[in-house]
N, C-alpha and C. Protein backbone atom coordinates (compact mmCIF):
# COMPACT_ATOMS: atom_id res chain seq x y z
N MET A 1 6.70 -36.78 -20.10
CA MET A 1 6.91 -35.35 -20.31
C MET A 1 8.09 -34.91 -19.44
N SER A 2 8.98 -34.13 -20.01
CA SER A 2 10.15 -33.66 -19.26
C SER A 2 9.73 -32.71 -18.14
N THR A 3 10.60 -32.59 -17.16
CA THR A 3 10.34 -31.66 -16.06
C THR A 3 10.19 -30.24 -16.59
N GLU A 4 11.02 -29.86 -17.56
CA GLU A 4 10.94 -28.52 -18.13
C GLU A 4 9.57 -28.28 -18.78
N ASN A 5 9.06 -29.26 -19.50
CA ASN A 5 7.74 -29.12 -20.12
C ASN A 5 6.64 -29.06 -19.08
N GLN A 6 6.80 -29.82 -18.01
CA GLN A 6 5.82 -29.76 -16.93
C GLN A 6 5.84 -28.41 -16.24
N VAL A 7 7.04 -27.87 -16.03
CA VAL A 7 7.15 -26.53 -15.42
C VAL A 7 6.47 -25.51 -16.32
N GLN A 8 6.74 -25.58 -17.62
CA GLN A 8 6.11 -24.65 -18.58
C GLN A 8 4.59 -24.75 -18.48
N GLN A 9 4.08 -25.94 -18.41
CA GLN A 9 2.63 -26.15 -18.29
C GLN A 9 2.10 -25.53 -17.00
N HIS A 10 2.81 -25.72 -15.90
CA HIS A 10 2.38 -25.15 -14.62
C HIS A 10 2.42 -23.62 -14.65
N LEU A 11 3.43 -23.06 -15.31
CA LEU A 11 3.50 -21.59 -15.42
C LEU A 11 2.31 -21.05 -16.19
N LEU A 12 1.91 -21.75 -17.23
CA LEU A 12 0.72 -21.34 -17.99
C LEU A 12 -0.54 -21.47 -17.14
N GLU A 13 -0.62 -22.51 -16.33
CA GLU A 13 -1.76 -22.69 -15.43
C GLU A 13 -1.83 -21.55 -14.42
N ILE A 14 -0.68 -21.14 -13.90
CA ILE A 14 -0.64 -20.02 -12.95
C ILE A 14 -1.13 -18.74 -13.62
N GLU A 15 -0.67 -18.49 -14.83
CA GLU A 15 -1.12 -17.31 -15.57
C GLU A 15 -2.64 -17.35 -15.78
N GLN A 16 -3.14 -18.49 -16.21
CA GLN A 16 -4.59 -18.62 -16.44
C GLN A 16 -5.37 -18.43 -15.16
N ALA A 17 -4.88 -18.99 -14.06
CA ALA A 17 -5.55 -18.84 -12.77
C ALA A 17 -5.57 -17.39 -12.33
N MET A 18 -4.48 -16.67 -12.58
CA MET A 18 -4.44 -15.25 -12.24
C MET A 18 -5.45 -14.47 -13.06
N LYS A 19 -5.54 -14.78 -14.34
CA LYS A 19 -6.49 -14.10 -15.21
C LYS A 19 -7.92 -14.41 -14.77
N SER A 20 -8.19 -15.67 -14.47
CA SER A 20 -9.54 -16.07 -14.03
C SER A 20 -9.94 -15.38 -12.73
N ALA A 21 -8.96 -15.15 -11.86
CA ALA A 21 -9.24 -14.51 -10.58
C ALA A 21 -9.23 -12.98 -10.67
N GLY A 22 -8.97 -12.44 -11.86
CA GLY A 22 -8.93 -10.99 -12.02
C GLY A 22 -7.67 -10.36 -11.43
N LEU A 23 -6.60 -11.13 -11.30
CA LEU A 23 -5.37 -10.62 -10.71
C LEU A 23 -4.33 -10.22 -11.75
N TRP A 24 -4.56 -10.56 -13.01
CA TRP A 24 -3.60 -10.26 -14.09
C TRP A 24 -3.69 -8.77 -14.40
N GLN A 25 -2.55 -8.11 -14.47
CA GLN A 25 -2.53 -6.66 -14.70
C GLN A 25 -1.98 -6.34 -16.08
N ALA A 26 -2.55 -5.33 -16.70
CA ALA A 26 -2.12 -4.92 -18.04
C ALA A 26 -0.84 -4.10 -17.99
N MET A 27 -0.63 -3.40 -16.90
CA MET A 27 0.53 -2.52 -16.78
C MET A 27 1.41 -2.97 -15.62
N PRO A 28 2.73 -2.96 -15.83
CA PRO A 28 3.63 -3.34 -14.74
C PRO A 28 3.69 -2.26 -13.66
N PRO A 29 4.20 -2.63 -12.48
CA PRO A 29 4.41 -1.61 -11.45
C PRO A 29 5.45 -0.59 -11.93
N GLU A 30 5.56 0.48 -11.20
CA GLU A 30 6.57 1.49 -11.51
C GLU A 30 7.96 0.85 -11.51
N PRO A 31 8.87 1.33 -12.35
CA PRO A 31 10.22 0.74 -12.41
C PRO A 31 10.91 0.63 -11.05
N ALA A 32 10.71 1.58 -10.18
CA ALA A 32 11.35 1.55 -8.86
C ALA A 32 10.93 0.33 -8.05
N ALA A 33 9.75 -0.19 -8.30
CA ALA A 33 9.27 -1.36 -7.56
C ALA A 33 10.14 -2.58 -7.79
N PHE A 34 10.83 -2.62 -8.91
CA PHE A 34 11.68 -3.77 -9.25
C PHE A 34 13.05 -3.70 -8.55
N ASN A 35 13.32 -2.61 -7.86
CA ASN A 35 14.60 -2.44 -7.18
C ASN A 35 14.61 -3.02 -5.77
N SER A 36 13.56 -3.66 -5.37
CA SER A 36 13.46 -4.22 -4.02
C SER A 36 14.53 -5.27 -3.78
N THR A 37 15.01 -5.32 -2.56
CA THR A 37 15.93 -6.38 -2.16
C THR A 37 15.26 -7.35 -1.19
N GLU A 38 14.00 -7.13 -0.92
CA GLU A 38 13.24 -7.98 -0.01
C GLU A 38 12.71 -9.21 -0.75
N PRO A 39 12.59 -10.34 -0.04
CA PRO A 39 11.97 -11.52 -0.68
C PRO A 39 10.57 -11.17 -1.18
N PHE A 40 10.25 -11.66 -2.36
CA PHE A 40 8.95 -11.43 -2.99
C PHE A 40 8.65 -9.94 -3.20
N SER A 41 9.65 -9.10 -3.09
CA SER A 41 9.47 -7.64 -3.22
C SER A 41 8.33 -7.13 -2.34
N VAL A 42 8.25 -7.67 -1.13
CA VAL A 42 7.12 -7.34 -0.24
C VAL A 42 7.02 -5.86 0.09
N ASP A 43 8.13 -5.14 -0.04
CA ASP A 43 8.11 -3.72 0.29
C ASP A 43 7.67 -2.83 -0.88
N THR A 44 7.60 -3.40 -2.08
CA THR A 44 7.28 -2.56 -3.24
C THR A 44 6.17 -3.10 -4.13
N MET A 45 5.78 -4.36 -3.96
CA MET A 45 4.77 -4.97 -4.83
C MET A 45 3.78 -5.79 -4.04
N GLN A 46 2.58 -5.89 -4.59
CA GLN A 46 1.62 -6.84 -4.05
C GLN A 46 2.06 -8.23 -4.50
N ALA A 47 1.62 -9.26 -3.80
CA ALA A 47 2.04 -10.63 -4.10
C ALA A 47 1.77 -11.00 -5.56
N GLU A 48 0.59 -10.65 -6.05
CA GLU A 48 0.26 -11.02 -7.42
C GLU A 48 1.09 -10.25 -8.44
N GLN A 49 1.50 -9.03 -8.10
CA GLN A 49 2.39 -8.28 -8.99
C GLN A 49 3.74 -8.98 -9.09
N TRP A 50 4.29 -9.38 -7.95
CA TRP A 50 5.57 -10.07 -7.96
C TRP A 50 5.47 -11.35 -8.78
N LEU A 51 4.40 -12.08 -8.61
CA LEU A 51 4.23 -13.33 -9.33
C LEU A 51 4.20 -13.08 -10.84
N GLN A 52 3.43 -12.09 -11.28
CA GLN A 52 3.29 -11.81 -12.70
C GLN A 52 4.53 -11.17 -13.31
N TRP A 53 5.10 -10.20 -12.62
CA TRP A 53 6.13 -9.37 -13.24
C TRP A 53 7.55 -9.78 -12.90
N VAL A 54 7.74 -10.62 -11.89
CA VAL A 54 9.09 -11.06 -11.51
C VAL A 54 9.23 -12.58 -11.66
N PHE A 55 8.42 -13.33 -10.93
CA PHE A 55 8.60 -14.78 -10.91
C PHE A 55 8.35 -15.43 -12.27
N LEU A 56 7.20 -15.17 -12.87
CA LEU A 56 6.89 -15.83 -14.15
C LEU A 56 7.93 -15.49 -15.23
N PRO A 57 8.29 -14.23 -15.43
CA PRO A 57 9.32 -13.93 -16.44
C PRO A 57 10.68 -14.58 -16.14
N ARG A 58 11.06 -14.61 -14.87
CA ARG A 58 12.35 -15.23 -14.53
C ARG A 58 12.33 -16.72 -14.80
N MET A 59 11.22 -17.37 -14.49
CA MET A 59 11.11 -18.80 -14.75
C MET A 59 11.10 -19.06 -16.26
N GLN A 60 10.40 -18.23 -17.03
CA GLN A 60 10.39 -18.38 -18.48
C GLN A 60 11.80 -18.21 -19.05
N ALA A 61 12.53 -17.23 -18.55
CA ALA A 61 13.90 -17.00 -19.02
C ALA A 61 14.80 -18.18 -18.65
N LEU A 62 14.62 -18.70 -17.47
CA LEU A 62 15.40 -19.86 -17.04
C LEU A 62 15.14 -21.06 -17.94
N LEU A 63 13.89 -21.28 -18.28
CA LEU A 63 13.55 -22.38 -19.18
C LEU A 63 14.15 -22.15 -20.57
N ALA A 64 14.06 -20.91 -21.06
CA ALA A 64 14.59 -20.60 -22.40
C ALA A 64 16.10 -20.80 -22.45
N GLN A 65 16.77 -20.51 -21.35
CA GLN A 65 18.23 -20.65 -21.29
C GLN A 65 18.67 -22.06 -20.89
N ARG A 66 17.69 -22.91 -20.67
CA ARG A 66 17.95 -24.29 -20.21
C ARG A 66 18.79 -24.30 -18.94
N GLY A 67 18.47 -23.35 -18.06
CA GLY A 67 19.17 -23.25 -16.79
C GLY A 67 18.70 -24.29 -15.80
N THR A 68 19.37 -24.34 -14.67
CA THR A 68 19.00 -25.26 -13.61
C THR A 68 17.76 -24.75 -12.92
N LEU A 69 16.75 -25.60 -12.83
CA LEU A 69 15.51 -25.21 -12.19
C LEU A 69 15.67 -25.16 -10.68
N PRO A 70 14.98 -24.23 -10.02
CA PRO A 70 15.08 -24.17 -8.56
C PRO A 70 14.47 -25.43 -7.94
N ALA A 71 14.95 -25.74 -6.77
CA ALA A 71 14.43 -26.88 -6.03
C ALA A 71 14.30 -26.48 -4.57
N ARG A 72 13.48 -27.22 -3.89
CA ARG A 72 13.29 -27.03 -2.45
C ARG A 72 12.86 -25.60 -2.11
N PHE A 73 11.83 -25.18 -2.78
CA PHE A 73 11.24 -23.89 -2.44
C PHE A 73 9.74 -24.05 -2.35
N ALA A 74 9.09 -23.09 -1.75
CA ALA A 74 7.65 -23.17 -1.58
C ALA A 74 7.04 -21.78 -1.76
N LEU A 75 6.32 -21.61 -2.84
CA LEU A 75 5.61 -20.36 -3.08
C LEU A 75 4.25 -20.33 -2.38
N THR A 76 3.60 -21.48 -2.33
CA THR A 76 2.22 -21.53 -1.85
C THR A 76 2.04 -20.96 -0.45
N PRO A 77 2.87 -21.28 0.53
CA PRO A 77 2.65 -20.71 1.86
C PRO A 77 2.66 -19.18 1.87
N TYR A 78 3.55 -18.58 1.09
CA TYR A 78 3.58 -17.12 1.03
C TYR A 78 2.26 -16.57 0.47
N PHE A 79 1.78 -17.20 -0.59
CA PHE A 79 0.55 -16.70 -1.20
C PHE A 79 -0.68 -16.99 -0.34
N GLU A 80 -0.66 -18.06 0.41
CA GLU A 80 -1.75 -18.30 1.37
C GLU A 80 -1.79 -17.18 2.40
N MET A 81 -0.63 -16.77 2.88
CA MET A 81 -0.57 -15.65 3.83
C MET A 81 -0.96 -14.34 3.17
N ALA A 82 -0.48 -14.13 1.95
CA ALA A 82 -0.76 -12.87 1.26
C ALA A 82 -2.24 -12.68 1.00
N PHE A 83 -2.96 -13.78 0.79
CA PHE A 83 -4.39 -13.69 0.50
C PHE A 83 -5.27 -13.85 1.74
N THR A 84 -4.66 -13.98 2.91
CA THR A 84 -5.44 -14.05 4.15
C THR A 84 -6.22 -12.75 4.31
N GLY A 85 -7.47 -12.89 4.59
CA GLY A 85 -8.32 -11.72 4.78
C GLY A 85 -9.00 -11.24 3.51
N HIS A 86 -8.60 -11.78 2.35
CA HIS A 86 -9.28 -11.43 1.10
C HIS A 86 -10.65 -12.10 1.10
N THR A 87 -11.63 -11.41 0.63
CA THR A 87 -12.98 -11.98 0.60
C THR A 87 -13.12 -13.04 -0.48
N ASP A 88 -12.29 -12.95 -1.52
CA ASP A 88 -12.37 -13.90 -2.62
C ASP A 88 -10.99 -14.52 -2.85
N VAL A 89 -10.64 -15.49 -2.01
CA VAL A 89 -9.33 -16.14 -2.11
C VAL A 89 -9.27 -16.91 -3.43
N PRO A 90 -8.23 -16.68 -4.22
CA PRO A 90 -8.11 -17.35 -5.52
C PRO A 90 -7.62 -18.80 -5.37
N HIS A 91 -8.56 -19.70 -5.02
CA HIS A 91 -8.19 -21.10 -4.76
C HIS A 91 -7.56 -21.76 -5.97
N GLY A 92 -8.00 -21.41 -7.18
CA GLY A 92 -7.40 -21.98 -8.39
C GLY A 92 -5.93 -21.61 -8.52
N LEU A 93 -5.60 -20.39 -8.15
CA LEU A 93 -4.21 -19.94 -8.19
C LEU A 93 -3.39 -20.67 -7.14
N LEU A 94 -3.92 -20.79 -5.94
CA LEU A 94 -3.19 -21.50 -4.89
C LEU A 94 -2.95 -22.95 -5.28
N ALA A 95 -3.93 -23.58 -5.90
CA ALA A 95 -3.77 -24.97 -6.34
C ALA A 95 -2.71 -25.09 -7.42
N ALA A 96 -2.68 -24.13 -8.36
CA ALA A 96 -1.66 -24.15 -9.42
C ALA A 96 -0.27 -23.93 -8.85
N LEU A 97 -0.15 -23.03 -7.87
CA LEU A 97 1.14 -22.81 -7.22
C LEU A 97 1.60 -24.06 -6.47
N GLN A 98 0.66 -24.73 -5.81
CA GLN A 98 1.01 -25.94 -5.07
C GLN A 98 1.51 -27.03 -6.02
N ARG A 99 0.89 -27.14 -7.19
CA ARG A 99 1.35 -28.14 -8.16
C ARG A 99 2.78 -27.85 -8.62
N LEU A 100 3.11 -26.57 -8.81
CA LEU A 100 4.48 -26.22 -9.19
C LEU A 100 5.44 -26.52 -8.03
N ASP A 101 5.05 -26.13 -6.82
CA ASP A 101 5.88 -26.46 -5.65
C ASP A 101 6.15 -27.96 -5.58
N ASP A 102 5.09 -28.74 -5.73
CA ASP A 102 5.22 -30.20 -5.64
C ASP A 102 6.17 -30.74 -6.70
N LEU A 103 6.03 -30.25 -7.92
CA LEU A 103 6.89 -30.73 -9.01
C LEU A 103 8.36 -30.41 -8.74
N LEU A 104 8.64 -29.19 -8.35
CA LEU A 104 10.04 -28.78 -8.18
C LEU A 104 10.65 -29.29 -6.89
N ASN A 105 9.86 -29.81 -6.00
CA ASN A 105 10.37 -30.35 -4.75
C ASN A 105 10.44 -31.86 -4.75
N GLN A 106 10.18 -32.49 -5.87
CA GLN A 106 10.28 -33.95 -5.96
C GLN A 106 11.73 -34.38 -5.81
N GLU A 107 11.90 -35.47 -5.13
CA GLU A 107 13.23 -36.06 -5.02
C GLU A 107 13.56 -36.75 -6.32
N ASP A 108 14.78 -36.58 -6.81
CA ASP A 108 15.20 -37.25 -8.04
C ASP A 108 15.49 -38.71 -7.79
């Protein structure tokens, strides 16, 4: 399976994990929230909002355009921190994010 197909599969797993954890939202944040210049839009969005409304669509667009996939990045540590203190940590989501991190950080 190509890396692009594997990435697509992982993105679907992340979406499913978000839905299973009750983190998937029907409505996007206010338009102004998308104007953030901070990493992960930490000043305008919750972590799960950024994942759903910024990261997933950007990755889907990148795949559709056959663009160069990002490498050497790590989403999981940010989300582990973001969910610290939550009574119901979405372990399935963290595992799905880690699988994507692992795939995109593989040495060629």
